[in-house]
Amino acid sequence: MLKKIIIGFFAGLISGLFATGGGLILVPAFVYLLKESERSSRATSIFCILPFVIISGIEYYNNNFIDWNVGIKCAIGGIIGGILGAKLLKKIPNAILKLTFTSFLIYVSIKMIVG
């Protein structure tokens, strides 16, 4: 139980600081530290993200950091994408999911370093 709370704490901290944490922290932690399946890890991380988003969102709102025009439009796309992604998760093999996720993280990392 302590390991799970520590994983959640770290993911929440990263989420609050960098607006990330679900896929970046939780999925690898669930797979490698808790030995969960790839699919279960992804689904569980999405469930765990909700409290992070609510608390961080309140803090961002209180500090007037939210661009409502961008946020609302992106949320509409996110709802549609979330539904599609959850349906695709059942159909895509684990090896493809892992390769795609790893490739995405490498790509984003390089873009952030290079600018």
Protein backbone atom coordinates (compact mmCIF):
# COMPACT_ATOMS: atom_id res chain seq x y z
CA MET A 1 0.00 0.00 0.00
CA LEU A 2 2.82 2.43 0.85
CA LYS A 3 4.42 1.84 -2.57
CA LYS A 4 1.13 2.74 -4.27
CA ILE A 5 0.75 5.91 -2.19
CA ILE A 6 4.33 6.95 -2.99
CA ILE A 7 3.72 6.38 -6.71
CA GLY A 8 0.54 8.48 -6.47
CA PHE A 9 2.33 11.22 -4.53
CA PHE A 10 5.13 11.43 -7.08
CA ALA A 11 2.69 11.42 -10.01
CA GLY A 12 0.58 14.13 -8.33
CA LEU A 13 3.65 16.26 -7.67
CA ILE A 14 4.80 15.94 -11.28
CA SER A 15 1.24 16.60 -12.48
CA GLY A 16 1.03 19.80 -10.45
CA LEU A 17 4.44 21.03 -11.56
CA PHE A 18 4.47 20.05 -15.21
CA ALA A 19 0.81 19.26 -16.07
CA THR A 20 1.74 15.64 -16.70
CA GLY A 21 2.02 12.52 -14.60
CA GLY A 22 -0.55 9.99 -15.72
CA GLY A 23 1.13 8.32 -18.63
CA LEU A 24 4.60 9.53 -17.87
CA ILE A 25 4.81 8.38 -14.25
CA LEU A 26 1.89 6.09 -13.49
CA VAL A 27 1.95 3.73 -16.46
CA PRO A 28 5.65 2.80 -16.14
CA ALA A 29 5.31 2.60 -12.33
CA PHE A 30 2.29 0.29 -12.57
CA VAL A 31 3.97 -1.92 -15.18
CA TYR A 32 7.46 -2.16 -13.67
CA LEU A 33 6.95 -1.61 -9.94
CA LEU A 34 3.49 -3.08 -9.39
CA LYS A 35 3.68 -5.68 -12.20
CA GLU A 36 0.31 -4.69 -13.68
CA SER A 37 -0.55 -5.46 -17.29
CA GLU A 38 -0.05 -2.79 -19.95
CA ARG A 39 -3.78 -2.36 -20.53
CA SER A 40 -4.65 -2.31 -16.85
CA SER A 41 -1.88 0.22 -16.22
CA ARG A 42 -3.18 2.59 -18.87
CA ALA A 43 -6.79 2.31 -17.72
CA THR A 44 -5.89 2.65 -14.03
CA SER A 45 -3.69 5.68 -14.71
CA ILE A 46 -6.58 7.43 -16.47
CA PHE A 47 -8.75 6.75 -13.42
CA CYS A 48 -6.03 8.09 -11.09
CA ILE A 49 -5.56 11.26 -13.13
CA LEU A 50 -9.03 12.60 -12.27
CA PRO A 51 -8.15 13.77 -8.73
CA PHE A 52 -4.83 15.21 -9.99
CA VAL A 53 -6.66 17.19 -12.66
CA ILE A 54 -9.31 18.49 -10.28
CA ILE A 55 -6.85 19.70 -7.63
CA SER A 56 -4.30 21.08 -10.10
CA GLY A 57 -7.09 22.68 -12.13
CA ILE A 58 -8.43 24.47 -9.06
CA GLU A 59 -4.95 25.80 -8.27
CA TYR A 60 -4.36 26.87 -11.88
CA TYR A 61 -7.78 28.57 -11.87
CA ASN A 62 -7.06 30.36 -8.58
CA ASN A 63 -3.83 31.71 -10.08
CA ASN A 64 -5.57 32.76 -13.33
CA PHE A 65 -3.33 30.51 -15.47
CA ILE A 66 -6.09 29.00 -17.65
CA ASP A 67 -6.63 30.10 -21.25
CA TRP A 68 -10.35 29.27 -21.45
CA ASN A 69 -10.56 29.63 -25.24
CA VAL A 70 -7.86 27.02 -25.80
CA GLY A 71 -8.91 24.85 -22.85
CA ILE A 72 -12.56 24.42 -23.81
CA LYS A 73 -11.79 23.63 -27.45
CA CYS A 74 -9.05 21.20 -26.48
CA ALA A 75 -11.37 19.54 -23.93
CA ILE A 76 -13.95 18.89 -26.65
CA GLY A 77 -11.30 17.19 -28.77
CA GLY A 78 -9.99 15.38 -25.70
CA ILE A 79 -13.39 13.90 -24.92
CA ILE A 80 -13.72 12.54 -28.46
CA GLY A 81 -10.10 11.32 -28.46
CA GLY A 82 -10.51 9.72 -25.04
CA ILE A 83 -13.50 7.71 -26.18
CA LEU A 84 -11.70 6.59 -29.33
CA GLY A 85 -8.49 5.80 -27.44
CA ALA A 86 -10.30 3.70 -24.84
CA LYS A 87 -11.98 1.70 -27.62
CA LEU A 88 -8.69 1.23 -29.50
CA LEU A 89 -6.88 0.09 -26.34
CA LYS A 90 -8.78 -3.21 -26.51
CA LYS A 91 -7.70 -3.83 -30.10
CA ILE A 92 -4.04 -2.77 -30.29
CA PRO A 93 -1.43 -5.38 -29.29
CA ASN A 94 0.69 -4.62 -26.19
CA ALA A 95 3.92 -4.56 -28.21
CA ILE A 96 2.52 -1.83 -30.49
CA LEU A 97 1.23 0.16 -27.50
CA LYS A 98 4.63 -0.01 -25.81
CA LEU A 99 6.52 0.96 -28.98
CA THR A 100 4.15 3.83 -29.73
CA PHE A 101 4.28 5.15 -26.15
CA THR A 102 8.08 4.92 -26.03
CA SER A 103 8.42 6.61 -29.42
CA PHE A 104 6.13 9.41 -28.30
CA LEU A 105 8.14 10.00 -25.12
CA ILE A 106 11.43 10.05 -27.05
CA TYR A 107 10.02 12.45 -29.65
CA VAL A 108 8.65 14.85 -27.04
CA SER A 109 11.88 14.68 -25.04
CA ILE A 110 13.97 15.57 -28.07
CA LYS A 111 11.62 18.43 -29.01
CA MET A 112 11.83 19.82 -25.48
CA ILE A 113 15.64 19.65 -25.43
CA VAL A 114 16.15 21.06 -28.93
CA GLY A 115 13.38 23.61 -28.64
